[in-house]
Amino acid sequence: MSAITTHVLDISSGRPAEAVPIVLEHKRAGAWVEVGRGSTDADGRLRTLLPSGAPLERGLYRITFDTGAYFAATGVDGFYPEASVVFEVRADREHYHVPLLLSPYGYSTYRGS
């Protein structure tokens, strides 16, 4: 099944990052076009970023995590107001899982499974 999913872990608290607003964009003709959005659940997951029935097309995608909103809601001063991850979908029938490990002064990402 083709999908784009994510999981945000707050490594400073050792807990999932709940209610992080996220936007997914696809680069088309040189411009970023929004194709999905949502927020993480209590487990820090957003189980689908593509709307139901929307095809996963090959190309460049960008996930933007509104880390500033998350840190404001948790009463933490963070350095990065957002974290953006650009990645390439090369096969339209795969699952792309893009987790974010987050702290107030840094973040990291990787291709998950």
Protein backbone atom coordinates (compact mmCIF):
# COMPACT_ATOMS: atom_id res chain seq x y z
CA MET A 1 0.00 0.00 0.00
CA SER A 2 1.40 3.40 -0.92
CA ALA A 3 1.38 5.98 1.86
CA ILE A 4 3.31 8.75 3.55
CA THR A 5 3.30 8.63 7.34
CA THR A 6 5.26 10.20 10.18
CA HIS A 7 5.97 9.86 13.88
CA VAL A 8 7.33 12.63 16.12
CA LEU A 9 9.20 11.82 19.32
CA ASP A 10 10.19 14.54 21.78
CA ILE A 11 13.57 13.21 22.85
CA SER A 12 13.93 15.87 25.55
CA SER A 13 10.94 14.41 27.41
CA GLY A 14 11.19 10.84 26.16
CA ARG A 15 7.53 11.01 25.02
CA PRO A 16 5.59 11.15 21.77
CA ALA A 17 4.96 14.70 20.54
CA GLU A 18 1.18 15.08 20.48
CA ALA A 19 -0.72 17.70 18.43
CA VAL A 20 2.15 18.73 16.15
CA PRO A 21 0.61 20.41 13.07
CA ILE A 22 2.07 18.98 9.85
CA VAL A 23 1.78 19.93 6.17
CA LEU A 24 2.75 17.73 3.20
CA GLU A 25 3.64 19.37 -0.11
CA HIS A 26 4.55 17.98 -3.54
CA LYS A 27 6.81 19.92 -5.91
CA ARG A 28 5.05 20.40 -9.24
CA ALA A 29 6.39 22.54 -12.09
CA GLY A 30 8.91 24.13 -9.71
CA ALA A 31 6.38 25.16 -7.04
CA TRP A 32 5.36 23.51 -3.76
CA VAL A 33 1.70 22.48 -3.73
CA GLU A 34 -0.04 21.37 -0.54
CA VAL A 35 -1.39 17.83 -0.85
CA GLY A 36 -2.15 16.96 2.79
CA ARG A 37 -2.16 18.13 6.39
CA GLY A 38 -2.97 16.95 9.88
CA SER A 39 -1.68 16.73 13.44
CA THR A 40 0.00 14.00 15.40
CA ASP A 41 -2.12 11.85 17.71
CA ALA A 42 -1.44 10.96 21.37
CA ASP A 43 1.20 8.46 20.19
CA GLY A 44 2.95 11.17 18.16
CA ARG A 45 1.82 9.62 14.87
CA LEU A 46 0.14 10.93 11.79
CA ARG A 47 -0.98 7.73 10.11
CA THR A 48 -1.74 9.25 6.74
CA LEU A 49 -0.69 12.48 5.11
CA LEU A 50 -2.38 11.86 1.77
CA PRO A 51 -6.14 12.34 1.50
CA SER A 52 -8.14 9.13 1.15
CA GLY A 53 -7.94 7.84 -2.40
CA ALA A 54 -5.25 10.32 -3.46
CA PRO A 55 -2.51 8.72 -5.55
CA LEU A 56 1.11 8.79 -4.44
CA GLU A 57 3.01 10.33 -7.34
CA ARG A 58 6.74 10.18 -7.91
CA GLY A 59 8.75 13.32 -7.25
CA LEU A 60 9.92 15.61 -4.47
CA TYR A 61 7.87 16.00 -1.30
CA ARG A 62 8.28 18.26 1.72
CA ILE A 63 6.92 17.64 5.20
CA THR A 64 6.84 20.71 7.42
CA PHE A 65 6.43 20.18 11.16
CA ASP A 66 5.12 23.20 13.11
CA THR A 67 7.49 22.68 16.02
CA GLY A 68 6.90 26.23 17.26
CA ALA A 69 3.21 25.48 17.91
CA TYR A 70 4.15 22.25 19.71
CA PHE A 71 6.73 23.91 21.96
CA ALA A 72 4.41 26.86 22.71
CA ALA A 73 1.66 24.44 23.75
CA THR A 74 4.05 22.58 26.05
CA GLY A 75 5.55 25.76 27.56
CA VAL A 76 9.02 25.13 26.14
CA ASP A 77 11.26 27.67 24.43
CA GLY A 78 12.47 26.07 21.23
CA PHE A 79 15.03 27.33 18.74
CA TYR A 80 13.44 26.00 15.55
CA PRO A 81 9.89 27.26 14.84
CA GLU A 82 9.54 24.61 12.16
CA ALA A 83 11.37 21.62 10.75
CA SER A 84 11.12 20.79 7.06
CA VAL A 85 12.15 17.51 5.51
CA VAL A 86 12.44 17.17 1.73
CA PHE A 87 12.55 13.66 0.28
CA GLU A 88 12.06 11.90 -3.02
CA VAL A 89 9.37 9.36 -3.84
CA ARG A 90 10.88 7.08 -6.46
CA ALA A 91 8.32 4.28 -6.39
CA ASP A 92 4.63 5.10 -6.24
CA ARG A 93 3.61 1.82 -4.60
CA GLU A 94 5.70 2.03 -1.43
CA HIS A 95 5.16 3.19 2.12
CA TYR A 96 7.27 6.23 3.00
CA HIS A 97 7.63 6.69 6.76
CA VAL A 98 9.46 9.90 7.73
CA PRO A 99 9.93 10.15 11.53
CA LEU A 100 11.19 13.22 13.37
CA LEU A 101 13.24 13.09 16.58
CA LEU A 102 12.72 16.47 18.22
CA SER A 103 14.22 18.50 21.04
CA PRO A 104 14.08 22.25 21.76
CA TYR A 105 17.49 22.86 20.15
CA GLY A 106 17.76 20.20 17.49
CA TYR A 107 16.04 17.59 15.38
CA SER A 108 16.89 14.56 13.30
CA THR A 109 15.08 12.46 10.75
CA TYR A 110 15.49 9.20 8.87
CA ARG A 111 13.55 6.93 6.53
CA GLY A 112 11.61 4.57 8.74
CA SER A 113 9.67 1.44 7.96
